[in-house]
Amino acid sequence: MDMKDPRVELVTVTGAKVSDDLRHAIIFYSVMGDEKRWAEVAQGLKSCRGYVKKELGKRLKMKYLPDLKFVEDRTMEKGAKMDRLLSGLVDNE
């Protein structure tokens, strides 16, 4: 999708969960940056939710399109922190 909002540039979709009735979808996303960047992305995704749903409607042949909810996925951030901690342990030996 070609979204024009600069707040959602370089956002990685890391996963999705769709309810059994296909009415709701949770989209997990990740981004590199500080808390300010995470907040910008959250606002950007919130504002472009309708556009994303419209684009999904063009691509999917479904009776109902799911309501979209975007949720932060900080797994990569936590993994990088763990790498730094473990790297510090190796350096101290």
N, C-alpha and C. Protein backbone atom coordinates (compact mmCIF):
# COMPACT_ATOMS: atom_id res chain seq x y z
N MET A 1 0.83 -1.18 0.00
CA MET A 1 0.00 0.00 0.00
C MET A 1 0.88 1.24 0.00
N ASP A 2 0.44 2.21 -0.70
CA ASP A 2 1.20 3.45 -0.81
C ASP A 2 0.54 4.52 0.05
N MET A 3 0.96 4.59 1.31
CA MET A 3 0.39 5.58 2.22
C MET A 3 1.25 6.83 2.19
N LYS A 4 0.62 7.97 2.15
CA LYS A 4 1.32 9.25 2.03
C LYS A 4 1.74 9.83 3.38
N ASP A 5 1.21 9.33 4.47
CA ASP A 5 1.48 9.88 5.79
C ASP A 5 2.92 9.55 6.20
N PRO A 6 3.77 10.56 6.40
CA PRO A 6 5.17 10.31 6.76
C PRO A 6 5.32 9.66 8.14
N ARG A 7 4.30 9.74 8.96
CA ARG A 7 4.39 9.12 10.29
C ARG A 7 4.44 7.60 10.23
N VAL A 8 3.97 7.03 9.14
CA VAL A 8 3.95 5.57 9.04
C VAL A 8 5.03 5.01 8.12
N GLU A 9 6.01 5.82 7.81
CA GLU A 9 7.13 5.34 7.01
C GLU A 9 8.00 4.42 7.85
N LEU A 10 8.54 3.41 7.21
CA LEU A 10 9.45 2.45 7.84
C LEU A 10 8.84 1.70 9.02
N VAL A 11 7.54 1.44 8.92
CA VAL A 11 6.85 0.63 9.92
C VAL A 11 6.82 -0.80 9.40
N THR A 12 7.12 -1.75 10.27
CA THR A 12 7.11 -3.15 9.91
C THR A 12 5.92 -3.83 10.56
N VAL A 13 5.10 -4.49 9.73
CA VAL A 13 4.01 -5.29 10.27
C VAL A 13 4.61 -6.63 10.66
N THR A 14 4.49 -6.98 11.94
CA THR A 14 5.12 -8.20 12.45
C THR A 14 4.15 -9.36 12.60
N GLY A 15 2.87 -9.09 12.51
CA GLY A 15 1.90 -10.16 12.62
C GLY A 15 0.49 -9.64 12.62
N ALA A 16 -0.45 -10.58 12.57
CA ALA A 16 -1.86 -10.22 12.59
C ALA A 16 -2.65 -11.37 13.19
N LYS A 17 -3.70 -11.03 13.91
CA LYS A 17 -4.64 -12.01 14.44
C LYS A 17 -6.02 -11.58 14.01
N VAL A 18 -6.77 -12.51 13.48
CA VAL A 18 -8.12 -12.22 13.02
C VAL A 18 -9.08 -13.08 13.84
N SER A 19 -10.18 -12.46 14.26
CA SER A 19 -11.16 -13.19 15.06
C SER A 19 -11.80 -14.30 14.22
N ASP A 20 -12.38 -15.28 14.90
CA ASP A 20 -13.00 -16.41 14.21
C ASP A 20 -14.09 -15.98 13.24
N ASP A 21 -14.83 -14.92 13.59
CA ASP A 21 -15.90 -14.46 12.70
C ASP A 21 -15.40 -13.46 11.65
N LEU A 22 -14.12 -13.21 11.62
CA LEU A 22 -13.46 -12.32 10.65
C LEU A 22 -13.92 -10.86 10.75
N ARG A 23 -14.48 -10.48 11.87
CA ARG A 23 -14.98 -9.12 12.05
C ARG A 23 -13.94 -8.19 12.66
N HIS A 24 -12.93 -8.75 13.31
CA HIS A 24 -11.92 -7.94 13.99
C HIS A 24 -10.52 -8.46 13.65
N ALA A 25 -9.59 -7.54 13.45
CA ALA A 25 -8.21 -7.93 13.20
C ALA A 25 -7.29 -7.06 14.04
N ILE A 26 -6.33 -7.70 14.67
CA ILE A 26 -5.29 -6.99 15.41
C ILE A 26 -4.03 -7.07 14.56
N ILE A 27 -3.49 -5.92 14.23
CA ILE A 27 -2.27 -5.84 13.43
C ILE A 27 -1.13 -5.41 14.34
N PHE A 28 -0.11 -6.24 14.44
CA PHE A 28 1.05 -5.93 15.27
C PHE A 28 2.10 -5.25 14.41
N TYR A 29 2.71 -4.21 14.94
CA TYR A 29 3.71 -3.47 14.17
C TYR A 29 4.91 -3.12 15.05
N SER A 30 6.01 -2.86 14.37
CA SER A 30 7.24 -2.46 15.05
C SER A 30 7.87 -1.31 14.28
N VAL A 31 8.65 -0.53 14.99
CA VAL A 31 9.33 0.60 14.38
C VAL A 31 10.61 0.86 15.18
N MET A 32 11.61 1.36 14.53
CA MET A 32 12.85 1.71 15.23
C MET A 32 12.75 3.18 15.64
N GLY A 33 13.13 3.45 16.88
CA GLY A 33 13.11 4.83 17.33
C GLY A 33 12.76 4.96 18.80
N ASP A 34 12.74 6.20 19.23
CA ASP A 34 12.46 6.50 20.64
C ASP A 34 10.94 6.54 20.88
N GLU A 35 10.57 6.87 22.11
CA GLU A 35 9.15 6.91 22.47
C GLU A 35 8.36 7.91 21.64
N LYS A 36 8.99 9.01 21.27
CA LYS A 36 8.33 10.01 20.44
C LYS A 36 7.96 9.41 19.08
N ARG A 37 8.89 8.64 18.51
CA ARG A 37 8.64 8.00 17.22
C ARG A 37 7.50 6.98 17.33
N TRP A 38 7.50 6.19 18.42
CA TRP A 38 6.42 5.22 18.62
C TRP A 38 5.07 5.93 18.70
N ALA A 39 5.02 7.07 19.39
CA ALA A 39 3.77 7.82 19.53
C ALA A 39 3.32 8.38 18.18
N GLU A 40 4.28 8.88 17.38
CA GLU A 40 3.94 9.39 16.05
C GLU A 40 3.35 8.30 15.17
N VAL A 41 3.97 7.14 15.21
CA VAL A 41 3.50 6.02 14.40
C VAL A 41 2.10 5.60 14.84
N ALA A 42 1.88 5.53 16.14
CA ALA A 42 0.55 5.15 16.65
C ALA A 42 -0.51 6.11 16.14
N GLN A 43 -0.23 7.39 16.18
CA GLN A 43 -1.19 8.38 15.68
C GLN A 43 -1.38 8.26 14.17
N GLY A 44 -0.28 8.03 13.45
CA GLY A 44 -0.36 7.87 12.00
C GLY A 44 -1.19 6.67 11.60
N LEU A 45 -0.99 5.55 12.27
CA LEU A 45 -1.76 4.35 11.96
C LEU A 45 -3.23 4.54 12.32
N LYS A 46 -3.48 5.21 13.41
CA LYS A 46 -4.86 5.47 13.81
C LYS A 46 -5.57 6.32 12.74
N SER A 47 -4.87 7.31 12.21
CA SER A 47 -5.50 8.20 11.23
C SER A 47 -5.66 7.55 9.85
N CYS A 48 -4.84 6.56 9.53
CA CYS A 48 -4.94 5.94 8.20
C CYS A 48 -5.68 4.61 8.23
N ARG A 49 -6.31 4.28 9.35
CA ARG A 49 -7.04 3.01 9.48
C ARG A 49 -8.10 2.86 8.38
N GLY A 50 -8.84 3.91 8.10
CA GLY A 50 -9.88 3.85 7.07
C GLY A 50 -9.30 3.58 5.69
N TYR A 51 -8.18 4.21 5.39
CA TYR A 51 -7.50 4.00 4.11
C TYR A 51 -7.06 2.54 3.98
N VAL A 52 -6.46 2.01 5.04
CA VAL A 52 -6.00 0.62 5.01
C VAL A 52 -7.18 -0.32 4.80
N LYS A 53 -8.26 -0.07 5.48
CA LYS A 53 -9.46 -0.91 5.35
C LYS A 53 -10.01 -0.84 3.92
N LYS A 54 -10.02 0.35 3.35
CA LYS A 54 -10.49 0.52 1.96
C LYS A 54 -9.60 -0.26 0.99
N GLU A 55 -8.30 -0.19 1.19
CA GLU A 55 -7.37 -0.91 0.32
C GLU A 55 -7.52 -2.42 0.49
N LEU A 56 -7.75 -2.88 1.70
CA LEU A 56 -8.02 -4.30 1.91
C LEU A 56 -9.28 -4.73 1.18
N GLY A 57 -10.28 -3.86 1.19
CA GLY A 57 -11.53 -4.15 0.49
C GLY A 57 -11.34 -4.33 -1.00
N LYS A 58 -10.39 -3.61 -1.57
CA LYS A 58 -10.10 -3.77 -3.00
C LYS A 58 -9.43 -5.10 -3.30
N ARG A 59 -8.68 -5.63 -2.33
CA ARG A 59 -7.89 -6.83 -2.55
C ARG A 59 -8.55 -8.12 -2.07
N LEU A 60 -9.43 -8.01 -1.08
CA LEU A 60 -10.05 -9.19 -0.49
C LEU A 60 -11.52 -9.30 -0.91
N LYS A 61 -11.92 -10.49 -1.20
CA LYS A 61 -13.32 -10.74 -1.55
C LYS A 61 -14.02 -11.30 -0.31
N MET A 62 -14.45 -10.39 0.56
CA MET A 62 -15.08 -10.80 1.81
C MET A 62 -16.41 -10.06 1.96
N LYS A 63 -17.35 -10.71 2.62
CA LYS A 63 -18.64 -10.09 2.87
C LYS A 63 -18.47 -8.89 3.81
N TYR A 64 -17.65 -9.07 4.85
CA TYR A 64 -17.37 -8.00 5.80
C TYR A 64 -15.87 -7.81 5.90
N LEU A 65 -15.45 -6.58 6.01
CA LEU A 65 -14.04 -6.31 6.26
C LEU A 65 -13.83 -6.17 7.76
N PRO A 66 -12.73 -6.70 8.26
CA PRO A 66 -12.53 -6.64 9.71
C PRO A 66 -12.26 -5.22 10.19
N ASP A 67 -12.70 -4.95 11.40
CA ASP A 67 -12.33 -3.71 12.07
C ASP A 67 -10.87 -3.86 12.47
N LEU A 68 -10.04 -2.87 12.18
CA LEU A 68 -8.61 -2.97 12.40
C LEU A 68 -8.19 -2.28 13.69
N LYS A 69 -7.33 -2.96 14.42
CA LYS A 69 -6.73 -2.38 15.62
C LYS A 69 -5.22 -2.59 15.51
N PHE A 70 -4.46 -1.51 15.63
CA PHE A 70 -3.01 -1.60 15.54
C PHE A 70 -2.41 -1.65 16.95
N VAL A 71 -1.51 -2.62 17.16
CA VAL A 71 -0.91 -2.83 18.48
C VAL A 71 0.61 -2.88 18.33
N GLU A 72 1.29 -2.17 19.22
CA GLU A 72 2.76 -2.15 19.22
C GLU A 72 3.32 -3.53 19.50
N ASP A 73 4.36 -3.88 18.78
CA ASP A 73 5.11 -5.11 19.03
C ASP A 73 6.55 -4.70 19.33
N ARG A 74 6.91 -4.75 20.58
CA ARG A 74 8.24 -4.30 21.00
C ARG A 74 9.22 -5.46 21.15
N THR A 75 8.92 -6.59 20.55
CA THR A 75 9.77 -7.76 20.66
C THR A 75 11.18 -7.50 20.14
N MET A 76 11.29 -6.86 19.00
CA MET A 76 12.63 -6.59 18.43
C MET A 76 13.42 -5.66 19.35
N GLU A 77 12.75 -4.68 19.90
CA GLU A 77 13.39 -3.74 20.82
C GLU A 77 13.90 -4.47 22.06
N LYS A 78 13.08 -5.37 22.59
CA LYS A 78 13.49 -6.15 23.77
C LYS A 78 14.64 -7.08 23.43
N GLY A 79 14.61 -7.66 22.24
CA GLY A 79 15.69 -8.54 21.79
C GLY A 79 17.00 -7.79 21.65
N ALA A 80 16.95 -6.58 21.11
CA ALA A 80 18.16 -5.76 20.97
C ALA A 80 18.73 -5.41 22.34
N LYS A 81 17.85 -5.12 23.28
CA LYS A 81 18.31 -4.80 24.64
C LYS A 81 18.98 -6.01 25.26
N MET A 82 18.39 -7.19 25.07
CA MET A 82 18.97 -8.41 25.61
C MET A 82 20.34 -8.68 24.97
N ASP A 83 20.46 -8.45 23.66
CA ASP A 83 21.76 -8.60 23.00
C ASP A 83 22.82 -7.69 23.61
N ARG A 84 22.43 -6.44 23.88
CA ARG A 84 23.38 -5.49 24.49
C ARG A 84 23.80 -5.96 25.88
N LEU A 85 22.84 -6.45 26.65
CA LEU A 85 23.16 -6.94 28.00
C LEU A 85 24.09 -8.15 27.93
N LEU A 86 23.79 -9.10 27.06
CA LEU A 86 24.63 -10.28 26.94
C LEU A 86 26.00 -9.93 26.38
N SER A 87 26.05 -8.98 25.48
CA SER A 87 27.32 -8.53 24.93
C SER A 87 28.19 -7.91 26.02
N GLY A 88 27.55 -7.18 26.93
CA GLY A 88 28.26 -6.58 28.06
C GLY A 88 28.83 -7.64 28.97
N LEU A 89 28.14 -8.75 29.15
CA LEU A 89 28.62 -9.84 29.99
C LEU A 89 29.87 -10.48 29.37
N VAL A 90 29.83 -10.68 28.07
CA VAL A 90 30.97 -11.28 27.38
C VAL A 90 32.17 -10.35 27.44
N ASP A 91 31.97 -9.05 27.27
CA ASP A 91 33.05 -8.08 27.31
C ASP A 91 33.70 -8.00 28.69
N ASN A 92 32.92 -8.26 29.74
CA ASN A 92 33.43 -8.16 31.11
C ASN A 92 34.24 -9.38 31.51
N GLU A 93 34.15 -10.47 30.76
CA GLU A 93 34.88 -11.69 31.14
C GLU A 93 36.32 -11.63 30.76
